Each structure stands twice: as C-alpha cells, then as structure tokens.
C-alpha atoms as a PDB file:
ATOM      1  CA  UNK A   1    -307.784 -92.797-144.070  1.00  0.00           C
ATOM      2  CA  UNK A   2    -305.208 -95.691-143.607  1.00  0.00           C
ATOM      3  CA  UNK A   3    -303.296 -93.575-140.810  1.00  0.00           C
ATOM      4  CA  UNK A   4    -306.475 -93.270-138.755  1.00  0.00           C
ATOM      5  CA  UNK A   5    -307.435 -96.834-139.426  1.00  0.00           C
ATOM      6  CA  UNK A   6    -303.911 -97.943-138.056  1.00  0.00           C
ATOM      7  CA  UNK A   7    -304.496 -95.500-135.036  1.00  0.00           C
ATOM      8  CA  UNK A   8    -307.632 -97.177-134.141  1.00  0.00           C
ATOM      9  CA  UNK A   9    -306.434-100.826-134.596  1.00  0.00           C
ATOM     10  CA  UNK A  10    -303.743-100.027-132.015  1.00  0.00           C
ATOM     11  CA  UNK A  11    -306.207 -98.415-129.440  1.00  0.00           C
ATOM     12  CA  UNK A  12    -308.133-101.746-129.887  1.00  0.00           C
ATOM     13  CA  UNK A  13    -305.333-103.787-129.169  1.00  0.00           C
ATOM     14  CA  UNK A  14    -304.208-101.801-126.107  1.00  0.00           C
ATOM     15  CA  UNK A  15    -308.291-102.141-124.907  1.00  0.00           C
ATOM     16  CA  UNK A  16    -307.969-105.860-125.538  1.00  0.00           C
ATOM     17  CA  UNK A  17    -304.999-106.258-123.570  1.00  0.00           C
ATOM     18  CA  UNK A  18    -306.295-103.919-120.727  1.00  0.00           C
ATOM     19  CA  UNK A  19    -309.368-106.265-120.867  1.00  0.00           C
ATOM     20  CA  UNK A  20    -307.126-109.235-120.400  1.00  0.00           C
ATOM     21  CA  UNK A  21    -305.706-107.734-117.407  1.00  0.00           C
ATOM     22  CA  UNK A  22    -308.849-106.544-116.086  1.00  0.00           C
ATOM     23  CA  UNK A  23    -310.049-109.894-116.119  1.00  0.00           C
ATOM     24  CA  UNK A  24    -307.368-111.440-114.301  1.00  0.00           C
ATOM     25  CA  UNK A  25    -307.707-108.914-111.672  1.00  0.00           C
ATOM     26  CA  UNK A  26    -308.427-110.642-108.623  1.00  0.00           C
ATOM     27  CA  UNK A  27    -310.997-107.926-107.493  1.00  0.00           C
ATOM     28  CA  UNK A  28    -313.053-108.469-110.547  1.00  0.00           C
ATOM     29  CA  UNK A  29    -316.434-110.208-109.814  1.00  0.00           C
ATOM     30  CA  UNK A  30    -318.074-113.025-111.915  1.00  0.00           C
ATOM     31  CA  UNK A  31    -320.445-110.711-113.853  1.00  0.00           C
ATOM     32  CA  UNK A  32    -317.462-108.635-115.087  1.00  0.00           C
ATOM     33  CA  UNK A  33    -315.796-111.717-115.677  1.00  0.00           C
ATOM     34  CA  UNK A  34    -318.676-113.272-117.544  1.00  0.00           C
ATOM     35  CA  UNK A  35    -319.253-110.146-119.981  1.00  0.00           C
ATOM     36  CA  UNK A  36    -315.550-110.373-121.072  1.00  0.00           C
ATOM     37  CA  UNK A  37    -315.878-114.236-121.554  1.00  0.00           C
ATOM     38  CA  UNK A  38    -318.787-114.045-123.644  1.00  0.00           C
ATOM     39  CA  UNK A  39    -317.054-110.998-125.767  1.00  0.00           C
ATOM     40  CA  UNK A  40    -313.952-113.280-126.070  1.00  0.00           C
ATOM     41  CA  UNK A  41    -316.697-116.324-127.317  1.00  0.00           C
ATOM     42  CA  UNK A  42    -318.121-113.754-129.708  1.00  0.00           C
ATOM     43  CA  UNK A  43    -315.118-112.809-131.285  1.00  0.00           C
ATOM     44  CA  UNK A  44    -313.534-116.296-131.376  1.00  0.00           C
ATOM     45  CA  UNK A  45    -316.669-118.238-132.512  1.00  0.00           C
ATOM     46  CA  UNK A  46    -317.621-118.489-136.153  1.00  0.00           C
ATOM     47  CA  UNK A  47    -321.250-117.425-135.590  1.00  0.00           C
ATOM     48  CA  UNK A  48    -321.437-113.695-136.345  1.00  0.00           C
ATOM     49  CA  UNK A  49    -323.946-110.955-136.967  1.00  0.00           C
ATOM     50  CA  UNK A  50    -321.902-110.415-140.436  1.00  0.00           C
ATOM     51  CA  UNK A  51    -320.053-113.625-141.528  1.00  0.00           C
ATOM     52  CA  UNK A  52    -316.546-113.434-141.347  1.00  0.00           C
ATOM     53  CA  UNK A  53    -316.564-114.947-145.028  1.00  0.00           C
ATOM     54  CA  UNK A  54    -317.253-111.742-146.303  1.00  0.00           C
ATOM     55  CA  UNK A  55    -314.355-109.657-146.868  1.00  0.00           C
ATOM     56  CA  UNK A  56    -313.823-106.594-144.716  1.00  0.00           C
ATOM     57  CA  UNK A  57    -317.836-106.571-143.464  1.00  0.00           C
ATOM     58  CA  UNK A  58    -317.338-109.604-141.800  1.00  0.00           C
ATOM     59  CA  UNK A  59    -314.708-108.289-139.377  1.00  0.00           C
ATOM     60  CA  UNK A  60    -316.670-105.301-138.934  1.00  0.00           C
ATOM     61  CA  UNK A  61    -318.860-106.283-136.399  1.00  0.00           C
ATOM     62  CA  UNK A  62    -315.806-107.499-134.315  1.00  0.00           C
ATOM     63  CA  UNK A  63    -313.937-104.361-134.686  1.00  0.00           C
ATOM     64  CA  UNK A  64    -316.992-102.571-133.298  1.00  0.00           C
ATOM     65  CA  UNK A  65    -317.260-104.797-130.391  1.00  0.00           C
ATOM     66  CA  UNK A  66    -313.587-104.442-129.634  1.00  0.00           C
ATOM     67  CA  UNK A  67    -313.530-100.523-130.033  1.00  0.00           C
ATOM     68  CA  UNK A  68    -316.723 -99.791-129.109  1.00  0.00           C
ATOM     69  CA  UNK A  69    -318.151-102.073-126.401  1.00  0.00           C
ATOM     70  CA  UNK A  70    -314.838-102.676-124.531  1.00  0.00           C
ATOM     71  CA  UNK A  71    -314.043 -99.459-123.966  1.00  0.00           C
ATOM     72  CA  UNK A  72    -317.710 -98.874-122.313  1.00  0.00           C
ATOM     73  CA  UNK A  73    -317.518-101.715-120.421  1.00  0.00           C
ATOM     74  CA  UNK A  74    -313.957-101.059-119.101  1.00  0.00           C
ATOM     75  CA  UNK A  75    -315.711 -97.827-117.972  1.00  0.00           C
ATOM     76  CA  UNK A  76    -318.419 -99.525-115.689  1.00  0.00           C
ATOM     77  CA  UNK A  77    -315.457-101.351-113.763  1.00  0.00           C
ATOM     78  CA  UNK A  78    -314.431 -99.941-110.855  1.00  0.00           C
ATOM     79  CA  UNK A  79    -311.877 -97.650-111.335  1.00  0.00           C
ATOM     80  CA  UNK A  80    -308.637 -99.253-109.203  1.00  0.00           C
ATOM     81  CA  UNK A  81    -309.581-102.286-111.453  1.00  0.00           C
ATOM     82  CA  UNK A  82    -309.345-100.475-114.776  1.00  0.00           C
ATOM     83  CA  UNK A  83    -306.071 -98.434-113.364  1.00  0.00           C
ATOM     84  CA  UNK A  84    -304.097-101.499-112.382  1.00  0.00           C
ATOM     85  CA  UNK A  85    -305.211-103.190-115.709  1.00  0.00           C
ATOM     86  CA  UNK A  86    -304.023-100.281-117.641  1.00  0.00           C
ATOM     87  CA  UNK A  87    -300.593-100.249-115.596  1.00  0.00           C
ATOM     88  CA  UNK A  88    -299.771-103.672-116.470  1.00  0.00           C
ATOM     89  CA  UNK A  89    -300.729-103.355-119.919  1.00  0.00           C
ATOM     90  CA  UNK A  90    -298.773-100.672-120.210  1.00  0.00           C
ATOM     91  CA  UNK A  91    -295.574-102.327-118.744  1.00  0.00           C
ATOM     92  CA  UNK A  92    -296.098-104.605-121.335  1.00  0.00           C
ATOM     93  CA  UNK A  93    -295.494-102.400-123.729  1.00  0.00           C
END
C-alpha cells in the first residue's frame, strides 16, 4: 500500500512538471494556459472542497486534481506540446 502511494505521488510530481513545461511552451494558447493557472490557483488557495485542516482528507482533493485531472488535461493538448514538455521534464530528472 505504501509503495503504491509513493509511486502515485512520484507520478503526480512528474505530471506537475510536465504541466509546468507545457504552460511555458510558446505554442500553448490562452485557453490551455487559463486552465493550468486555475488549477494552480486551486492548489495554492486555502479554499478547497475538503479543507486542508482535516488531516489527510484535506489533501485528497488536491491529490485527485493533480493525479486525475492534470493527466486528462494533458491528453487534450496538442501532441507536440506534450511531447516537448515531457522531454524537458525528463531532462530535469
């Protein structure tokens, strides 16, 4: 169980890094950037569906956003942007 959770957290970190590089890609249009900015604002603001003050459950919605929504969003982006973002994210590791 702990091994699976660790693996998912690493994958979520990679998706965040790929999302960062996709956001910085010059070919990404403003609607894509807007979605990524709104996602980042949700992660950074104290206003959540489940408050962060509740141990573990408070982070569940943030984790779900990164682990589920971000990969789905990256699938909707043009393939060349995602490919370049993954290449840059892989080069940093």
